[in-house]
Amino acid sequence: MFSFFWWAAFTVVGIWAQRIVPGVDFLAPGLLLCIQMEKKTLFFWLILVWSLIQEGAGGLPFGYSLLWYSSIYVVYRCGAMFFDVQSFMFALLCAAGLGVLHPLLTGMMAMLADMNWASDRYLFEGILQFIIFPLEWLFLKYIYPERLKHEFTV
């Protein structure tokens, strides 16, 4: 039950942070942390809930958050073959991949919705994602409760 409240509080803080810095996903580092702790069921539920929140609150067509969150998993799986997944350098590598992917996915979805392509804005958001992602991941890894690290999930 403590896990539910911790992730619910993280979700509220992440959504609040996204209102302050639009275009940056503050929930994504939580997914990386969840994958690293091998909590597959929790990972599935977080993707489901966060995708519904992002799709409902966002201005892009349906599917962006599904592509975005599944790309985090793909980047993790590809990087896990070559790097230590618990290291800061791995989080930095994931941040670089997601920082490059953000403008591409946003631009693709904007074109599908016949929205204006604002490449400088999307590139700036990608750079912000690259900077914020590893720092937030490091902070989350530090504050994540020790008792939840060893909690068994079905």
N, C-alpha and C. Protein backbone atom coordinates (compact mmCIF):
# COMPACT_ATOMS: atom_id res chain seq x y z
N MET A 1 0.81 -1.19 0.00
CA MET A 1 0.00 0.00 0.00
C MET A 1 0.87 1.26 0.00
N PHE A 2 2.01 1.18 0.70
CA PHE A 2 2.93 2.32 0.74
C PHE A 2 3.44 2.62 -0.67
N SER A 3 3.66 1.58 -1.45
CA SER A 3 4.12 1.76 -2.83
C SER A 3 3.11 2.55 -3.65
N PHE A 4 1.84 2.24 -3.49
CA PHE A 4 0.79 2.95 -4.21
C PHE A 4 0.82 4.45 -3.88
N PHE A 5 0.93 4.76 -2.60
CA PHE A 5 0.94 6.18 -2.19
C PHE A 5 2.20 6.89 -2.68
N TRP A 6 3.33 6.18 -2.66
CA TRP A 6 4.57 6.81 -3.12
C TRP A 6 4.47 7.15 -4.60
N TRP A 7 4.01 6.19 -5.42
CA TRP A 7 3.91 6.44 -6.86
C TRP A 7 2.79 7.43 -7.18
N ALA A 8 1.73 7.45 -6.40
CA ALA A 8 0.67 8.45 -6.61
C ALA A 8 1.20 9.85 -6.32
N ALA A 9 1.97 9.99 -5.25
CA ALA A 9 2.57 11.29 -4.94
C ALA A 9 3.57 11.69 -6.02
N PHE A 10 4.34 10.74 -6.51
CA PHE A 10 5.29 11.02 -7.59
C PHE A 10 4.54 11.49 -8.84
N THR A 11 3.42 10.86 -9.14
CA THR A 11 2.62 11.24 -10.30
C THR A 11 2.11 12.67 -10.17
N VAL A 12 1.59 13.00 -9.00
CA VAL A 12 1.08 14.36 -8.77
C VAL A 12 2.20 15.39 -8.92
N VAL A 13 3.35 15.12 -8.33
CA VAL A 13 4.48 16.05 -8.42
C VAL A 13 4.98 16.14 -9.86
N GLY A 14 5.02 15.00 -10.57
CA GLY A 14 5.46 15.00 -11.97
C GLY A 14 4.53 15.80 -12.86
N ILE A 15 3.24 15.66 -12.68
CA ILE A 15 2.28 16.42 -13.48
C ILE A 15 2.38 17.91 -13.15
N TRP A 16 2.55 18.22 -11.89
CA TRP A 16 2.72 19.61 -11.48
C TRP A 16 3.98 20.20 -12.12
N ALA A 17 5.07 19.44 -12.14
CA ALA A 17 6.32 19.92 -12.75
C ALA A 17 6.15 20.11 -14.26
N GLN A 18 5.36 19.27 -14.89
CA GLN A 18 5.12 19.42 -16.33
C GLN A 18 4.31 20.67 -16.64
N ARG A 19 3.51 21.12 -15.70
CA ARG A 19 2.80 22.40 -15.90
C ARG A 19 3.77 23.57 -15.84
N ILE A 20 4.81 23.44 -15.03
CA ILE A 20 5.80 24.51 -14.89
C ILE A 20 6.76 24.53 -16.07
N VAL A 21 7.21 23.35 -16.51
CA VAL A 21 8.14 23.24 -17.64
C VAL A 21 7.46 22.41 -18.73
N PRO A 22 6.64 23.03 -19.58
CA PRO A 22 5.92 22.27 -20.60
C PRO A 22 6.88 21.67 -21.63
N GLY A 23 6.52 20.50 -22.11
CA GLY A 23 7.32 19.83 -23.12
C GLY A 23 8.33 18.85 -22.55
N VAL A 24 8.50 18.84 -21.24
CA VAL A 24 9.44 17.92 -20.60
C VAL A 24 8.63 16.91 -19.80
N ASP A 25 8.93 15.63 -19.99
CA ASP A 25 8.21 14.58 -19.29
C ASP A 25 8.94 14.27 -17.98
N PHE A 26 8.34 14.66 -16.88
CA PHE A 26 8.94 14.42 -15.57
C PHE A 26 8.57 13.04 -15.03
N LEU A 27 7.70 12.31 -15.71
CA LEU A 27 7.32 10.97 -15.27
C LEU A 27 8.27 9.91 -15.84
N ALA A 28 8.92 10.20 -16.95
CA ALA A 28 9.77 9.23 -17.63
C ALA A 28 10.90 8.67 -16.76
N PRO A 29 11.62 9.49 -15.97
CA PRO A 29 12.66 8.90 -15.13
C PRO A 29 12.11 7.89 -14.11
N GLY A 30 10.88 8.07 -13.70
CA GLY A 30 10.25 7.10 -12.81
C GLY A 30 10.08 5.76 -13.49
N LEU A 31 9.76 5.78 -14.78
CA LEU A 31 9.65 4.52 -15.52
C LEU A 31 10.99 3.82 -15.62
N LEU A 32 12.04 4.59 -15.88
CA LEU A 32 13.37 3.98 -15.96
C LEU A 32 13.75 3.36 -14.62
N LEU A 33 13.47 4.05 -13.54
CA LEU A 33 13.75 3.51 -12.21
C LEU A 33 12.97 2.23 -11.97
N CYS A 34 11.72 2.22 -12.39
CA CYS A 34 10.86 1.05 -12.22
C CYS A 34 11.39 -0.14 -13.02
N ILE A 35 11.85 0.10 -14.24
CA ILE A 35 12.41 -0.97 -15.06
C ILE A 35 13.68 -1.50 -14.42
N GLN A 36 14.51 -0.61 -13.92
CA GLN A 36 15.78 -1.01 -13.32
C GLN A 36 15.57 -1.87 -12.08
N MET A 37 14.49 -1.65 -11.36
CA MET A 37 14.20 -2.45 -10.18
C MET A 37 13.45 -3.73 -10.54
N GLU A 38 13.22 -3.93 -11.83
CA GLU A 38 12.56 -5.14 -12.36
C GLU A 38 11.17 -5.34 -11.77
N LYS A 39 10.42 -4.28 -11.68
CA LYS A 39 9.03 -4.35 -11.20
C LYS A 39 8.12 -4.28 -12.43
N LYS A 40 7.95 -5.43 -13.08
CA LYS A 40 7.24 -5.48 -14.35
C LYS A 40 5.77 -5.13 -14.24
N THR A 41 5.10 -5.62 -13.22
CA THR A 41 3.68 -5.33 -13.05
C THR A 41 3.46 -3.85 -12.77
N LEU A 42 4.27 -3.30 -11.90
CA LEU A 42 4.18 -1.87 -11.60
C LEU A 42 4.48 -1.04 -12.84
N PHE A 43 5.46 -1.47 -13.61
CA PHE A 43 5.82 -0.78 -14.85
C PHE A 43 4.62 -0.74 -15.80
N PHE A 44 3.94 -1.87 -15.95
CA PHE A 44 2.76 -1.93 -16.81
C PHE A 44 1.68 -0.96 -16.34
N TRP A 45 1.39 -0.98 -15.04
CA TRP A 45 0.33 -0.12 -14.51
C TRP A 45 0.70 1.36 -14.61
N LEU A 46 1.96 1.68 -14.38
CA LEU A 46 2.39 3.07 -14.51
C LEU A 46 2.26 3.56 -15.94
N ILE A 47 2.66 2.72 -16.90
CA ILE A 47 2.52 3.11 -18.31
C ILE A 47 1.04 3.32 -18.65
N LEU A 48 0.20 2.43 -18.19
CA LEU A 48 -1.23 2.54 -18.48
C LEU A 48 -1.82 3.84 -17.91
N VAL A 49 -1.58 4.08 -16.64
CA VAL A 49 -2.14 5.27 -15.98
C VAL A 49 -1.53 6.54 -16.55
N TRP A 50 -0.21 6.57 -16.67
CA TRP A 50 0.45 7.78 -17.16
C TRP A 50 0.11 8.06 -18.61
N SER A 51 -0.06 7.03 -19.42
CA SER A 51 -0.45 7.24 -20.81
C SER A 51 -1.85 7.86 -20.89
N LEU A 52 -2.76 7.36 -20.07
CA LEU A 52 -4.10 7.94 -20.06
C LEU A 52 -4.07 9.40 -19.61
N ILE A 53 -3.26 9.69 -18.62
CA ILE A 53 -3.14 11.08 -18.15
C ILE A 53 -2.54 11.95 -19.24
N GLN A 54 -1.44 11.50 -19.83
CA GLN A 54 -0.75 12.30 -20.85
C GLN A 54 -1.62 12.49 -22.08
N GLU A 55 -2.30 11.44 -22.50
CA GLU A 55 -3.15 11.55 -23.69
C GLU A 55 -4.33 12.47 -23.44
N GLY A 56 -4.89 12.41 -22.23
CA GLY A 56 -6.03 13.25 -21.92
C GLY A 56 -5.66 14.71 -21.73
N ALA A 57 -4.49 14.96 -21.19
CA ALA A 57 -4.09 16.34 -20.90
C ALA A 57 -3.30 16.98 -22.04
N GLY A 58 -2.76 16.17 -22.93
CA GLY A 58 -1.90 16.69 -23.99
C GLY A 58 -2.67 17.20 -25.19
N GLY A 59 -1.97 17.92 -26.04
CA GLY A 59 -2.59 18.48 -27.23
C GLY A 59 -2.26 17.73 -28.50
N LEU A 60 -1.50 16.66 -28.39
CA LEU A 60 -1.14 15.87 -29.58
C LEU A 60 -2.13 14.74 -29.78
N PRO A 61 -2.17 14.17 -30.98
CA PRO A 61 -3.09 13.05 -31.24
C PRO A 61 -2.78 11.84 -30.35
N PHE A 62 -3.78 10.97 -30.23
CA PHE A 62 -3.62 9.78 -29.41
C PHE A 62 -2.49 8.92 -29.95
N GLY A 63 -1.65 8.46 -29.07
CA GLY A 63 -0.57 7.56 -29.43
C GLY A 63 0.81 8.08 -29.09
N TYR A 64 0.93 9.38 -28.87
CA TYR A 64 2.25 9.94 -28.58
C TYR A 64 2.84 9.33 -27.31
N SER A 65 2.07 9.31 -26.23
CA SER A 65 2.62 8.82 -24.97
C SER A 65 2.90 7.32 -25.03
N LEU A 66 2.10 6.59 -25.81
CA LEU A 66 2.39 5.16 -25.97
C LEU A 66 3.72 4.95 -26.68
N LEU A 67 3.95 5.73 -27.73
CA LEU A 67 5.24 5.67 -28.43
C LEU A 67 6.38 6.12 -27.52
N TRP A 68 6.15 7.18 -26.78
CA TRP A 68 7.18 7.75 -25.91
C TRP A 68 7.58 6.77 -24.81
N TYR A 69 6.60 6.23 -24.10
CA TYR A 69 6.91 5.32 -23.00
C TYR A 69 7.44 3.98 -23.49
N SER A 70 6.96 3.51 -24.63
CA SER A 70 7.53 2.27 -25.16
C SER A 70 8.95 2.49 -25.66
N SER A 71 9.27 3.71 -26.11
CA SER A 71 10.64 3.99 -26.53
C SER A 71 11.59 3.98 -25.34
N ILE A 72 11.10 4.34 -24.16
CA ILE A 72 11.93 4.25 -22.96
C ILE A 72 12.30 2.80 -22.71
N TYR A 73 11.34 1.91 -22.87
CA TYR A 73 11.61 0.49 -22.69
C TYR A 73 12.59 -0.02 -23.74
N VAL A 74 12.42 0.40 -24.98
CA VAL A 74 13.32 -0.04 -26.06
C VAL A 74 14.74 0.47 -25.82
N VAL A 75 14.87 1.74 -25.44
CA VAL A 75 16.20 2.29 -25.14
C VAL A 75 16.83 1.53 -23.98
N TYR A 76 16.04 1.20 -22.98
CA TYR A 76 16.55 0.43 -21.84
C TYR A 76 17.04 -0.94 -22.28
N ARG A 77 16.23 -1.65 -23.05
CA ARG A 77 16.61 -3.01 -23.47
C ARG A 77 17.85 -3.00 -24.35
N CYS A 78 17.94 -2.03 -25.26
CA CYS A 78 19.12 -1.94 -26.13
C CYS A 78 20.36 -1.58 -25.34
N GLY A 79 20.24 -0.64 -24.43
CA GLY A 79 21.38 -0.22 -23.63
C GLY A 79 21.80 -1.25 -22.61
N ALA A 80 20.86 -2.05 -22.12
CA ALA A 80 21.16 -3.05 -21.10
C ALA A 80 22.09 -4.14 -21.62
N MET A 81 22.12 -4.32 -22.93
CA MET A 81 23.02 -5.33 -23.51
C MET A 81 24.48 -4.91 -23.41
N PHE A 82 24.74 -3.61 -23.30
CA PHE A 82 26.11 -3.13 -23.37
C PHE A 82 26.59 -2.39 -22.12
N PHE A 83 25.68 -1.91 -21.28
CA PHE A 83 26.07 -1.06 -20.17
C PHE A 83 25.48 -1.55 -18.86
N ASP A 84 26.05 -1.08 -17.75
CA ASP A 84 25.49 -1.33 -16.43
C ASP A 84 24.26 -0.44 -16.26
N VAL A 85 23.11 -1.04 -16.12
CA VAL A 85 21.85 -0.29 -16.13
C VAL A 85 21.62 0.53 -14.87
N GLN A 86 22.38 0.30 -13.83
CA GLN A 86 22.20 1.04 -12.58
C GLN A 86 23.07 2.29 -12.50
N SER A 87 23.89 2.54 -13.51
CA SER A 87 24.84 3.64 -13.44
C SER A 87 24.24 4.95 -13.95
N PHE A 88 24.86 6.04 -13.51
CA PHE A 88 24.46 7.37 -13.96
C PHE A 88 24.74 7.53 -15.45
N MET A 89 25.81 6.92 -15.93
CA MET A 89 26.15 7.02 -17.35
C MET A 89 25.06 6.38 -18.21
N PHE A 90 24.47 5.31 -17.72
CA PHE A 90 23.37 4.68 -18.46
C PHE A 90 22.16 5.61 -18.50
N ALA A 91 21.87 6.27 -17.39
CA ALA A 91 20.76 7.24 -17.37
C ALA A 91 21.05 8.39 -18.32
N LEU A 92 22.31 8.79 -18.40
CA LEU A 92 22.71 9.85 -19.33
C LEU A 92 22.54 9.39 -20.77
N LEU A 93 22.87 8.14 -21.04
CA LEU A 93 22.67 7.58 -22.38
C LEU A 93 21.19 7.54 -22.73
N CYS A 94 20.36 7.11 -21.80
CA CYS A 94 18.91 7.10 -22.03
C CYS A 94 18.40 8.51 -22.26
N ALA A 95 18.92 9.46 -21.50
CA ALA A 95 18.50 10.85 -21.66
C ALA A 95 18.88 11.37 -23.04
N ALA A 96 20.06 11.00 -23.52
CA ALA A 96 20.48 11.44 -24.86
C ALA A 96 19.55 10.85 -25.92
N GLY A 97 19.24 9.57 -25.79
CA GLY A 97 18.33 8.94 -26.75
C GLY A 97 16.95 9.57 -26.72
N LEU A 98 16.44 9.82 -25.54
CA LEU A 98 15.11 10.43 -25.41
C LEU A 98 15.12 11.89 -25.82
N GLY A 99 16.24 12.57 -25.57
CA GLY A 99 16.36 13.96 -26.00
C GLY A 99 16.33 14.10 -27.50
N VAL A 100 16.91 13.13 -28.20
CA VAL A 100 16.87 13.13 -29.67
C VAL A 100 15.49 12.69 -30.16
N LEU A 101 14.91 11.73 -29.48
CA LEU A 101 13.62 11.18 -29.90
C LEU A 101 12.46 12.14 -29.67
N HIS A 102 12.55 12.98 -28.65
CA HIS A 102 11.44 13.89 -28.34
C HIS A 102 11.06 14.80 -29.51
N PRO A 103 12.02 15.51 -30.12
CA PRO A 103 11.62 16.37 -31.25
C PRO A 103 11.10 15.56 -32.44
N LEU A 104 11.64 14.37 -32.64
CA LEU A 104 11.19 13.54 -33.76
C LEU A 104 9.74 13.09 -33.56
N LEU A 105 9.45 12.55 -32.39
CA LEU A 105 8.08 12.09 -32.11
C LEU A 105 7.09 13.24 -32.08
N THR A 106 7.47 14.33 -31.44
CA THR A 106 6.58 15.49 -31.36
C THR A 106 6.31 16.06 -32.75
N GLY A 107 7.35 16.17 -33.54
CA GLY A 107 7.19 16.67 -34.91
C GLY A 107 6.33 15.76 -35.76
N MET A 108 6.55 14.45 -35.62
CA MET A 108 5.76 13.49 -36.38
C MET A 108 4.28 13.58 -36.01
N MET A 109 4.00 13.64 -34.71
CA MET A 109 2.60 13.72 -34.27
C MET A 109 1.98 15.07 -34.63
N ALA A 110 2.77 16.13 -34.61
CA ALA A 110 2.26 17.45 -35.01
C ALA A 110 1.89 17.45 -36.49
N MET A 111 2.71 16.81 -37.31
CA MET A 111 2.40 16.74 -38.74
C MET A 111 1.16 15.90 -38.99
N LEU A 112 1.00 14.82 -38.24
CA LEU A 112 -0.19 13.98 -38.40
C LEU A 112 -1.46 14.73 -38.03
N ALA A 113 -1.35 15.66 -37.11
CA ALA A 113 -2.52 16.44 -36.67
C ALA A 113 -2.66 17.75 -37.44
N ASP A 114 -1.85 17.94 -38.47
CA ASP A 114 -1.84 19.18 -39.26
C ASP A 114 -1.61 20.41 -38.38
N MET A 115 -0.73 20.26 -37.41
CA MET A 115 -0.35 21.38 -36.56
C MET A 115 0.91 22.02 -37.13
N ASN A 116 1.20 23.22 -36.72
CA ASN A 116 2.41 23.89 -37.18
C ASN A 116 3.64 23.21 -36.61
N TRP A 117 4.66 23.08 -37.44
CA TRP A 117 5.92 22.47 -37.04
C TRP A 117 6.81 23.57 -36.47
N ALA A 118 7.07 23.51 -35.19
CA ALA A 118 7.92 24.50 -34.52
C ALA A 118 9.22 23.81 -34.12
N SER A 119 10.12 23.65 -35.09
CA SER A 119 11.32 22.85 -34.87
C SER A 119 12.20 23.40 -33.76
N ASP A 120 12.34 24.72 -33.67
CA ASP A 120 13.20 25.28 -32.62
C ASP A 120 12.63 24.99 -31.23
N ARG A 121 11.32 25.02 -31.10
CA ARG A 121 10.70 24.71 -29.81
C ARG A 121 10.90 23.24 -29.45
N TYR A 122 10.69 22.35 -30.43
CA TYR A 122 10.84 20.92 -30.17
C TYR A 122 12.29 20.56 -29.85
N LEU A 123 13.23 21.20 -30.52
CA LEU A 123 14.64 20.95 -30.23
C LEU A 123 14.99 21.44 -28.82
N PHE A 124 14.49 22.60 -28.45
CA PHE A 124 14.73 23.12 -27.10
C PHE A 124 14.14 22.18 -26.05
N GLU A 125 12.93 21.66 -26.29
CA GLU A 125 12.33 20.71 -25.36
C GLU A 125 13.16 19.44 -25.26
N GLY A 126 13.71 18.98 -26.40
CA GLY A 126 14.57 17.80 -26.39
C GLY A 126 15.84 18.03 -25.58
N ILE A 127 16.41 19.22 -25.69
CA ILE A 127 17.60 19.56 -24.90
C ILE A 127 17.26 19.61 -23.42
N LEU A 128 16.12 20.21 -23.09
CA LEU A 128 15.68 20.23 -21.69
C LEU A 128 15.44 18.82 -21.16
N GLN A 129 14.85 17.96 -21.98
CA GLN A 129 14.62 16.58 -21.57
C GLN A 129 15.95 15.89 -21.29
N PHE A 130 16.94 16.14 -22.15
CA PHE A 130 18.27 15.55 -21.98
C PHE A 130 18.92 16.03 -20.69
N ILE A 131 18.74 17.28 -20.33
CA ILE A 131 19.36 17.82 -19.12
C ILE A 131 18.63 17.37 -17.86
N ILE A 132 17.30 17.41 -17.89
CA ILE A 132 16.51 17.15 -16.68
C ILE A 132 16.42 15.65 -16.37
N PHE A 133 16.32 14.81 -17.39
CA PHE A 133 16.09 13.38 -17.19
C PHE A 133 17.12 12.73 -16.26
N PRO A 134 18.43 12.82 -16.53
CA PRO A 134 19.38 12.12 -15.65
C PRO A 134 19.44 12.71 -14.24
N LEU A 135 19.24 14.02 -14.13
CA LEU A 135 19.27 14.65 -12.81
C LEU A 135 18.07 14.19 -11.97
N GLU A 136 16.91 14.13 -12.61
CA GLU A 136 15.73 13.65 -11.89
C GLU A 136 15.86 12.18 -11.55
N TRP A 137 16.41 11.39 -12.47
CA TRP A 137 16.60 9.96 -12.20
C TRP A 137 17.52 9.77 -10.99
N LEU A 138 18.61 10.53 -10.94
CA LEU A 138 19.55 10.44 -9.82
C LEU A 138 18.86 10.83 -8.51
N PHE A 139 18.06 11.88 -8.56
CA PHE A 139 17.32 12.32 -7.37
C PHE A 139 16.32 11.25 -6.93
N LEU A 140 15.60 10.66 -7.89
CA LEU A 140 14.63 9.61 -7.56
C LEU A 140 15.31 8.39 -6.96
N LYS A 141 16.45 8.02 -7.53
CA LYS A 141 17.18 6.86 -7.02
C LYS A 141 17.62 7.10 -5.58
N TYR A 142 17.94 8.35 -5.27
CA TYR A 142 18.39 8.70 -3.93
C TYR A 142 17.23 8.71 -2.93
N ILE A 143 16.07 9.24 -3.33
CA ILE A 143 14.95 9.38 -2.37
C ILE A 143 14.00 8.18 -2.36
N TYR A 144 14.17 7.25 -3.31
CA TYR A 144 13.25 6.11 -3.35
C TYR A 144 13.38 5.31 -2.05
N PRO A 145 12.27 5.03 -1.38
CA PRO A 145 12.32 4.35 -0.08
C PRO A 145 12.98 2.97 -0.16
N GLU A 146 13.85 2.71 0.79
CA GLU A 146 14.61 1.46 0.82
C GLU A 146 13.68 0.25 0.94
N ARG A 147 12.62 0.39 1.70
CA ARG A 147 11.73 -0.76 1.89
C ARG A 147 10.97 -1.12 0.62
N LEU A 148 10.80 -0.17 -0.31
CA LEU A 148 10.13 -0.47 -1.57
C LEU A 148 11.07 -1.14 -2.57
N LYS A 149 12.36 -0.98 -2.38
CA LYS A 149 13.33 -1.59 -3.30
C LYS A 149 13.27 -3.10 -3.23
N HIS A 150 12.93 -3.62 -2.07
CA HIS A 150 12.92 -5.07 -1.89
C HIS A 150 11.51 -5.64 -1.78
N GLU A 151 10.53 -4.81 -2.07
CA GLU A 151 9.14 -5.25 -1.99
C GLU A 151 8.83 -6.18 -3.16
N PHE A 152 8.18 -7.26 -2.88
CA PHE A 152 7.81 -8.22 -3.92
C PHE A 152 6.50 -7.79 -4.56
N THR A 153 6.49 -7.75 -5.90
CA THR A 153 5.25 -7.44 -6.62
C THR A 153 4.92 -8.59 -7.54
N VAL A 154 3.65 -8.86 -7.67
CA VAL A 154 3.20 -9.96 -8.52
C VAL A 154 2.97 -9.45 -9.92
